N, C-alpha and C. Protein backbone atom coordinates (compact mmCIF):
# COMPACT_ATOMS: atom_id res chain seq x y z
N UNK A 1 -73.62 -15.28 4.20
CA UNK A 1 -73.82 -14.64 5.56
C UNK A 1 -73.40 -13.17 5.59
N UNK A 2 -72.32 -12.90 4.76
CA UNK A 2 -71.71 -11.65 4.70
C UNK A 2 -72.74 -10.69 4.12
N UNK A 3 -73.47 -11.00 3.27
CA UNK A 3 -74.48 -10.15 2.67
C UNK A 3 -75.43 -9.67 3.68
N UNK A 4 -75.90 -10.58 4.48
CA UNK A 4 -76.89 -10.18 5.61
C UNK A 4 -76.25 -9.13 6.54
N UNK A 5 -75.06 -9.31 6.95
CA UNK A 5 -74.28 -8.40 7.74
C UNK A 5 -74.19 -7.03 7.09
N UNK A 6 -73.96 -7.07 5.84
CA UNK A 6 -73.81 -5.74 5.16
C UNK A 6 -75.15 -4.97 5.01
N UNK A 7 -76.27 -5.63 5.13
CA UNK A 7 -77.58 -4.92 4.97
C UNK A 7 -78.28 -4.88 6.34
N UNK A 8 -77.61 -5.20 7.44
CA UNK A 8 -78.15 -5.10 8.81
C UNK A 8 -78.75 -3.68 8.97
N UNK A 9 -78.06 -2.57 8.83
CA UNK A 9 -78.50 -1.32 9.14
C UNK A 9 -79.68 -1.02 8.11
N UNK A 10 -79.66 -1.36 6.86
CA UNK A 10 -80.73 -1.22 5.93
C UNK A 10 -81.98 -1.89 6.46
N UNK A 11 -81.93 -3.10 6.81
CA UNK A 11 -83.10 -3.77 7.28
C UNK A 11 -83.64 -3.24 8.58
N UNK A 12 -82.75 -2.83 9.51
CA UNK A 12 -83.17 -2.31 10.77
C UNK A 12 -83.96 -1.02 10.71
N UNK A 13 -83.83 -0.35 9.51
CA UNK A 13 -84.54 0.95 9.47
C UNK A 13 -85.84 0.90 8.66
N UNK A 14 -86.30 -0.35 8.25
CA UNK A 14 -87.39 -0.46 7.48
C UNK A 14 -88.48 -1.56 8.09
N UNK A 15 -89.65 -1.14 7.72
CA UNK A 15 -90.81 -2.19 8.00
C UNK A 15 -91.29 -2.58 6.49
N UNK A 16 -90.76 -3.70 6.11
CA UNK A 16 -90.97 -4.17 4.64
C UNK A 16 -92.41 -4.47 4.46
N UNK A 17 -93.27 -4.69 5.39
CA UNK A 17 -94.72 -4.74 5.15
C UNK A 17 -95.31 -3.49 4.82
N UNK A 18 -94.73 -2.35 5.17
CA UNK A 18 -95.38 -0.95 4.92
C UNK A 18 -94.58 -0.40 3.79
N UNK A 19 -93.40 -0.53 3.55
CA UNK A 19 -92.72 0.20 2.41
C UNK A 19 -92.64 -0.41 1.05
N UNK A 20 -92.74 -1.67 1.01
CA UNK A 20 -92.62 -2.33 -0.33
C UNK A 20 -91.24 -2.38 -0.83
N UNK A 21 -90.25 -1.88 -0.08
CA UNK A 21 -88.85 -1.90 -0.48
C UNK A 21 -88.36 -3.37 -0.51
N UNK A 22 -87.44 -3.66 -1.34
CA UNK A 22 -86.82 -4.99 -1.36
C UNK A 22 -86.00 -5.27 -0.08
N UNK A 23 -86.27 -6.57 0.44
CA UNK A 23 -85.42 -6.93 1.65
C UNK A 23 -84.06 -7.30 1.32
N UNK A 24 -83.76 -7.77 0.13
CA UNK A 24 -82.41 -8.19 -0.34
C UNK A 24 -82.36 -9.72 -0.19
N UNK A 25 -82.65 -10.34 -1.26
CA UNK A 25 -82.62 -11.79 -1.31
C UNK A 25 -81.31 -12.34 -1.74
N UNK A 26 -80.37 -11.56 -1.96
CA UNK A 26 -79.11 -12.01 -2.29
C UNK A 26 -78.97 -12.24 -3.82
N UNK A 27 -79.54 -11.55 -4.64
CA UNK A 27 -79.64 -11.47 -6.06
C UNK A 27 -78.27 -11.66 -6.65
N UNK A 28 -78.08 -12.47 -7.78
CA UNK A 28 -76.68 -12.52 -8.29
C UNK A 28 -76.28 -11.15 -8.77
N UNK A 29 -74.91 -10.94 -8.57
CA UNK A 29 -74.49 -9.56 -8.98
C UNK A 29 -74.22 -9.40 -10.46
N UNK A 30 -74.21 -10.43 -11.15
CA UNK A 30 -73.99 -10.20 -12.62
C UNK A 30 -72.58 -10.06 -12.94
N UNK A 31 -72.26 -9.86 -14.38
CA UNK A 31 -70.95 -9.83 -14.78
C UNK A 31 -70.29 -8.39 -14.61
N UNK A 32 -71.08 -7.34 -14.75
CA UNK A 32 -70.63 -5.99 -14.69
C UNK A 32 -71.24 -5.22 -13.50
N UNK A 33 -70.36 -4.37 -12.75
CA UNK A 33 -70.72 -3.62 -11.67
C UNK A 33 -71.88 -2.65 -12.15
N UNK A 34 -72.85 -2.35 -11.33
CA UNK A 34 -73.88 -1.50 -11.71
C UNK A 34 -73.91 -0.15 -10.94
N UNK A 35 -74.66 0.84 -11.43
CA UNK A 35 -74.94 1.96 -10.61
C UNK A 35 -76.34 2.50 -10.95
N UNK A 36 -76.91 3.27 -10.11
CA UNK A 36 -78.15 3.86 -10.39
C UNK A 36 -78.19 5.29 -9.64
N UNK A 37 -78.89 6.16 -10.25
CA UNK A 37 -79.27 7.50 -9.70
C UNK A 37 -80.76 7.60 -9.49
N UNK A 38 -81.28 7.76 -8.31
CA UNK A 38 -82.72 7.69 -8.15
C UNK A 38 -83.12 9.06 -7.56
N UNK A 39 -84.35 9.50 -7.95
CA UNK A 39 -84.89 10.71 -7.33
C UNK A 39 -85.72 10.33 -6.11
N UNK A 40 -85.57 10.99 -4.96
CA UNK A 40 -86.25 10.58 -3.77
C UNK A 40 -86.87 11.76 -3.17
N UNK A 41 -88.20 11.74 -3.23
CA UNK A 41 -88.97 12.81 -2.66
C UNK A 41 -89.41 12.56 -1.19
N UNK A 42 -88.64 12.86 -0.38
CA UNK A 42 -88.90 12.66 1.09
C UNK A 42 -89.25 13.96 1.79
N UNK A 43 -88.66 14.21 2.97
CA UNK A 43 -88.96 15.47 3.49
C UNK A 43 -88.47 16.64 2.53
N UNK A 44 -87.52 16.31 1.81
CA UNK A 44 -87.03 17.35 0.64
C UNK A 44 -86.74 16.41 -0.49
N UNK A 45 -86.91 17.05 -1.69
CA UNK A 45 -86.51 16.28 -2.87
C UNK A 45 -84.94 16.23 -3.06
N UNK A 46 -84.44 14.97 -3.22
CA UNK A 46 -82.98 14.91 -3.41
C UNK A 46 -82.77 13.57 -4.30
N UNK A 47 -81.50 13.39 -4.61
CA UNK A 47 -81.19 12.25 -5.40
C UNK A 47 -80.33 11.28 -4.53
N UNK A 48 -80.41 9.97 -4.94
CA UNK A 48 -79.62 9.03 -4.30
C UNK A 48 -78.73 8.44 -5.35
N UNK A 49 -77.48 8.31 -5.15
CA UNK A 49 -76.54 7.69 -6.01
C UNK A 49 -76.05 6.29 -5.34
N UNK A 50 -76.31 5.19 -6.11
CA UNK A 50 -75.97 3.85 -5.64
C UNK A 50 -74.93 3.21 -6.57
N UNK A 51 -73.94 2.57 -5.99
CA UNK A 51 -72.87 2.07 -6.75
C UNK A 51 -72.62 0.66 -6.29
N UNK A 52 -72.73 -0.30 -7.16
CA UNK A 52 -72.51 -1.68 -6.76
C UNK A 52 -71.03 -1.93 -6.34
N UNK A 53 -70.89 -2.47 -5.07
CA UNK A 53 -69.65 -2.92 -4.70
C UNK A 53 -69.83 -4.37 -4.06
N UNK A 54 -69.42 -5.35 -4.79
CA UNK A 54 -69.66 -6.72 -4.42
C UNK A 54 -71.15 -7.06 -4.43
N UNK A 55 -71.78 -7.40 -3.30
CA UNK A 55 -73.16 -7.89 -3.40
C UNK A 55 -74.12 -6.85 -2.86
N UNK A 56 -73.77 -5.62 -2.72
CA UNK A 56 -74.69 -4.51 -2.27
C UNK A 56 -74.43 -3.36 -3.10
N UNK A 57 -75.35 -2.33 -2.94
CA UNK A 57 -75.24 -1.04 -3.49
C UNK A 57 -74.83 0.00 -2.50
N UNK A 58 -73.59 0.51 -2.52
CA UNK A 58 -73.17 1.50 -1.60
C UNK A 58 -73.94 2.73 -1.92
N UNK A 59 -74.40 3.54 -1.05
CA UNK A 59 -75.39 4.60 -1.28
C UNK A 59 -74.96 5.89 -0.67
N UNK A 60 -75.38 6.99 -1.43
CA UNK A 60 -75.06 8.28 -0.93
C UNK A 60 -76.37 9.13 -1.29
N UNK A 61 -76.77 10.15 -0.44
CA UNK A 61 -77.79 11.04 -0.74
C UNK A 61 -77.11 12.25 -1.30
N UNK A 62 -77.67 12.79 -2.32
CA UNK A 62 -77.08 14.02 -3.00
C UNK A 62 -78.21 15.07 -2.87
N UNK A 63 -78.08 15.91 -1.74
CA UNK A 63 -79.20 16.93 -1.54
C UNK A 63 -79.44 17.78 -2.65
N UNK A 64 -78.50 18.39 -3.39
CA UNK A 64 -78.71 19.28 -4.39
C UNK A 64 -78.80 18.69 -5.89
N UNK A 65 -78.67 17.38 -5.89
CA UNK A 65 -78.83 16.67 -7.17
C UNK A 65 -77.49 16.90 -8.09
N UNK A 66 -77.56 16.19 -9.13
CA UNK A 66 -76.40 16.34 -10.08
C UNK A 66 -76.36 17.61 -10.83
N UNK A 67 -75.21 17.95 -11.44
CA UNK A 67 -75.00 19.06 -12.15
C UNK A 67 -74.51 18.74 -13.57
N UNK A 68 -74.97 19.47 -14.57
CA UNK A 68 -74.44 19.36 -15.99
C UNK A 68 -72.96 19.87 -16.18
N UNK A 69 -72.48 20.64 -14.99
CA UNK A 69 -71.32 21.32 -15.12
C UNK A 69 -70.23 20.43 -14.32
N UNK A 70 -69.35 19.88 -15.02
CA UNK A 70 -68.25 19.07 -14.20
C UNK A 70 -67.47 19.84 -13.20
N UNK A 71 -67.41 21.15 -13.27
CA UNK A 71 -66.72 21.93 -12.32
C UNK A 71 -67.54 22.07 -11.06
N UNK A 72 -68.82 21.89 -11.03
CA UNK A 72 -69.65 21.91 -9.75
C UNK A 72 -69.41 20.84 -8.86
N UNK A 73 -69.25 21.23 -7.59
CA UNK A 73 -69.12 20.14 -6.56
C UNK A 73 -70.46 19.88 -5.91
N UNK A 74 -70.65 18.68 -5.55
CA UNK A 74 -71.95 18.31 -4.92
C UNK A 74 -71.60 17.53 -3.63
N UNK A 75 -72.30 17.83 -2.50
CA UNK A 75 -72.21 17.13 -1.25
C UNK A 75 -72.99 15.77 -1.54
N UNK A 76 -72.19 14.71 -1.08
CA UNK A 76 -72.68 13.28 -1.16
C UNK A 76 -72.57 12.76 0.36
N UNK A 77 -73.76 12.49 0.90
CA UNK A 77 -73.85 12.08 2.25
C UNK A 77 -74.05 10.54 2.24
N UNK A 78 -73.08 9.83 2.85
CA UNK A 78 -73.21 8.32 2.82
C UNK A 78 -74.42 7.85 3.65
N UNK A 79 -75.12 6.83 3.07
CA UNK A 79 -76.22 6.28 3.77
C UNK A 79 -75.90 4.69 3.80
N UNK A 80 -76.85 4.03 4.40
CA UNK A 80 -76.54 2.54 4.52
C UNK A 80 -76.54 1.88 3.19
N UNK A 81 -75.84 0.78 3.11
CA UNK A 81 -75.76 -0.13 1.90
C UNK A 81 -77.18 -0.57 1.65
N UNK A 82 -77.51 -0.78 0.35
CA UNK A 82 -78.84 -1.28 -0.08
C UNK A 82 -78.63 -2.51 -0.88
N UNK A 83 -79.66 -3.27 -0.87
CA UNK A 83 -79.58 -4.68 -1.68
C UNK A 83 -79.61 -4.28 -3.15
N UNK A 84 -79.03 -5.24 -3.93
CA UNK A 84 -78.97 -5.00 -5.38
C UNK A 84 -80.30 -4.71 -6.05
N UNK A 85 -81.31 -5.36 -5.49
CA UNK A 85 -82.67 -5.31 -5.97
C UNK A 85 -83.16 -3.90 -5.87
N UNK A 86 -82.59 -3.00 -5.11
CA UNK A 86 -83.03 -1.56 -4.98
C UNK A 86 -82.79 -0.79 -6.28
N UNK A 87 -82.00 -1.41 -7.05
CA UNK A 87 -81.69 -0.76 -8.50
C UNK A 87 -82.97 -0.62 -9.15
N UNK A 88 -83.96 -1.53 -9.06
CA UNK A 88 -85.15 -1.46 -9.84
C UNK A 88 -86.29 -1.04 -8.99
N UNK A 89 -86.17 -0.62 -7.75
CA UNK A 89 -87.25 -0.26 -6.92
C UNK A 89 -87.79 1.12 -7.17
N UNK A 90 -89.19 1.11 -7.44
CA UNK A 90 -90.04 2.35 -7.65
C UNK A 90 -91.19 2.21 -6.60
N UNK A 91 -91.53 3.20 -5.94
CA UNK A 91 -92.64 3.10 -5.08
C UNK A 91 -92.73 4.27 -4.08
N UNK A 92 -93.94 4.30 -3.36
CA UNK A 92 -94.13 5.28 -2.44
C UNK A 92 -93.77 4.70 -1.04
N UNK A 93 -93.03 5.43 -0.37
CA UNK A 93 -92.70 4.96 0.94
C UNK A 93 -93.60 5.74 2.01
N UNK A 94 -94.35 5.17 2.89
CA UNK A 94 -95.23 5.92 3.71
C UNK A 94 -94.48 6.96 4.49
N UNK A 95 -95.24 8.06 4.74
CA UNK A 95 -94.53 9.24 5.41
C UNK A 95 -93.87 8.88 6.66
N UNK A 96 -94.40 7.96 7.54
CA UNK A 96 -93.78 7.74 8.83
C UNK A 96 -92.59 6.92 8.64
N UNK A 97 -92.22 6.45 7.38
CA UNK A 97 -90.97 5.64 7.15
C UNK A 97 -89.92 6.48 6.44
N UNK A 98 -90.26 7.64 5.92
CA UNK A 98 -89.32 8.46 5.05
C UNK A 98 -88.10 8.83 5.84
N UNK A 99 -88.24 9.24 7.09
CA UNK A 99 -87.09 9.67 7.91
C UNK A 99 -85.99 8.56 8.01
N UNK A 100 -86.36 7.35 8.02
CA UNK A 100 -85.46 6.23 8.23
C UNK A 100 -85.02 5.73 6.90
N UNK A 101 -85.88 5.64 5.86
CA UNK A 101 -85.53 5.04 4.63
C UNK A 101 -85.13 6.03 3.67
N UNK A 102 -84.01 5.61 2.90
CA UNK A 102 -83.61 6.47 1.91
C UNK A 102 -83.52 5.73 0.58
């Protein structure tokens, strides 16, 4: 039940019949924590960084993207937790959904 509570904001912002995004079925977390960096072309092109914490992916939007220079600082804007299945998600999110879904 805790997993459902942690994804309440994520699920509330999406129409899964339209977006094709994973709803979050409670996939096993595996032995090692995971992370993913995804490119998201929404109203502007940006990157999303997702880091596994327990049974969800904590998520941040990185508007300027990563840098090869470790001295560069990048703004990371927290977004809603995402399900672990989002690690493998690729797809087009309809334009009407992009403001809500990251």
